[in-house]
Amino acid sequence: MTKPLDPRTLPDLIKRPIITEKATLLMETNQYVFDVSPKATKPEIKAAVEQVFDVKVISVNTSTPPRKKKRVGRFIGYKSQYKRAIVRLAEGDTIPLFPDV
C-alpha cells in the first residue's frame, strides 16, 4: 500500500532545473531536466511538477549516478548523492525556465 501524497511537501522535492547543453537540446522535444530529492519517487516527482508548473506530465525518467570519491589532503570522502529526473510534458505544455525580463 502506498502512502498518500501530501500536496504541501511536493514542491520541496524539486531542487532546481538543470541548464546544460544536453538539457537545452531535450527542451526541443518537450523534456525538462531537474535535480530532485534522492528519496523522491516517480509518482511524487510527477505530482510535484504538475502542481508547481501547472502542466500535464506524460512520463518521468530518473537517474541516480554512483557516488564519486573526493580527496582533500590525506582524507578521502565522497561527493553528496543526487538524483536527476527527466520529465516529458504533454504536447503544447511548456515550462518557462527563462522568463522575459
Protein backbone atom coordinates (compact mmCIF):
# COMPACT_ATOMS: atom_id res chain seq x y z
CA MET A 1 0.00 0.00 0.00
CA THR A 2 1.39 3.38 -0.99
CA LYS A 3 1.26 6.41 1.24
CA PRO A 4 -0.90 9.34 0.08
CA LEU A 5 0.91 12.29 -1.48
CA ASP A 6 0.96 15.40 0.70
CA PRO A 7 0.47 18.46 -1.55
CA ARG A 8 2.28 20.69 0.98
CA THR A 9 5.58 18.80 0.72
CA LEU A 10 5.58 18.19 -3.06
CA PRO A 11 7.29 21.48 -4.08
CA ASP A 12 10.24 20.65 -1.80
CA LEU A 13 11.07 17.55 -3.90
CA ILE A 14 12.22 19.66 -6.88
CA LYS A 15 15.52 21.36 -6.09
CA ARG A 16 16.49 23.14 -9.32
CA PRO A 17 16.25 22.87 -13.11
CA ILE A 18 19.36 21.71 -14.96
CA ILE A 19 20.56 24.07 -17.70
CA THR A 20 23.23 22.27 -19.71
CA GLU A 21 23.79 21.79 -23.41
CA LYS A 22 22.16 18.36 -23.34
CA ALA A 23 19.23 19.64 -21.25
CA THR A 24 18.55 22.50 -23.66
CA LEU A 25 18.55 20.06 -26.57
CA LEU A 26 16.00 17.96 -24.68
CA MET A 27 13.77 21.04 -24.28
CA GLU A 28 13.18 20.96 -28.04
CA THR A 29 11.50 17.55 -27.59
CA ASN A 30 9.41 18.86 -24.64
CA GLN A 31 11.59 17.19 -21.99
CA TYR A 32 12.92 19.04 -18.94
CA VAL A 33 15.66 18.00 -16.50
CA PHE A 34 15.51 18.69 -12.75
CA ASP A 35 17.61 17.91 -9.69
CA VAL A 36 15.26 16.22 -7.24
CA SER A 37 15.46 14.82 -3.75
CA PRO A 38 17.23 11.42 -3.72
CA LYS A 39 14.30 9.82 -1.88
CA ALA A 40 11.65 11.11 -4.31
CA THR A 41 9.72 8.51 -6.29
CA LYS A 42 8.47 8.85 -9.86
CA PRO A 43 4.80 9.42 -8.86
CA GLU A 44 5.88 12.08 -6.36
CA ILE A 45 8.03 13.83 -8.98
CA LYS A 46 5.17 13.75 -11.48
CA ALA A 47 2.72 15.21 -8.95
CA ALA A 48 5.21 17.90 -7.88
CA VAL A 49 5.93 19.09 -11.44
CA GLU A 50 2.23 19.12 -12.30
CA GLN A 51 1.41 21.10 -9.15
CA VAL A 52 4.26 23.63 -9.32
CA PHE A 53 4.26 24.38 -13.06
CA ASP A 54 0.58 23.59 -13.87
CA VAL A 55 1.40 21.24 -16.78
CA LYS A 56 0.50 17.67 -17.78
CA VAL A 57 3.35 15.16 -17.32
CA ILE A 58 3.44 12.12 -19.62
CA SER A 59 6.49 10.29 -18.24
CA VAL A 60 9.28 10.60 -15.70
CA ASN A 61 12.74 9.02 -16.07
CA THR A 62 15.18 9.17 -13.17
CA SER A 63 18.88 8.53 -12.79
CA THR A 64 20.97 8.19 -9.65
CA PRO A 65 24.65 8.11 -10.65
CA PRO A 66 27.19 6.36 -8.40
CA ARG A 67 28.97 8.47 -5.78
CA LYS A 68 32.41 9.80 -6.71
CA LYS A 69 35.39 9.88 -4.37
CA LYS A 70 36.66 13.27 -3.31
CA ARG A 71 40.10 13.73 -1.78
CA VAL A 72 41.03 16.65 0.47
CA GLY A 73 44.65 16.30 1.54
CA ARG A 74 45.09 12.86 3.04
CA PHE A 75 41.37 12.41 3.73
CA ILE A 76 39.13 10.58 1.27
CA GLY A 77 35.41 11.18 1.28
CA TYR A 78 32.53 11.06 -1.16
CA LYS A 79 30.57 13.69 -3.04
CA SER A 80 26.98 14.02 -1.93
CA GLN A 81 24.35 11.79 -3.57
CA TYR A 82 21.93 13.38 -6.04
CA LYS A 83 19.12 12.32 -8.33
CA ARG A 84 18.08 13.73 -11.69
CA ALA A 85 14.66 13.48 -13.28
CA ILE A 86 13.87 13.90 -16.98
CA VAL A 87 10.22 14.89 -17.31
CA ARG A 88 8.31 14.62 -20.62
CA LEU A 89 5.39 17.03 -20.92
CA ALA A 90 2.21 16.75 -22.96
CA GLU A 91 2.11 18.40 -26.37
CA GLY A 92 1.53 22.14 -26.05
CA ASP A 93 2.72 22.44 -22.43
CA THR A 94 5.94 24.30 -21.63
CA ILE A 95 7.86 25.35 -18.53
CA PRO A 96 9.26 28.90 -18.69
CA LEU A 97 12.82 28.41 -17.40
CA PHE A 98 13.96 31.70 -18.94
CA PRO A 99 11.25 34.27 -18.10
CA ASP A 100 11.23 37.51 -20.07
CA VAL A 101 12.97 40.20 -18.04
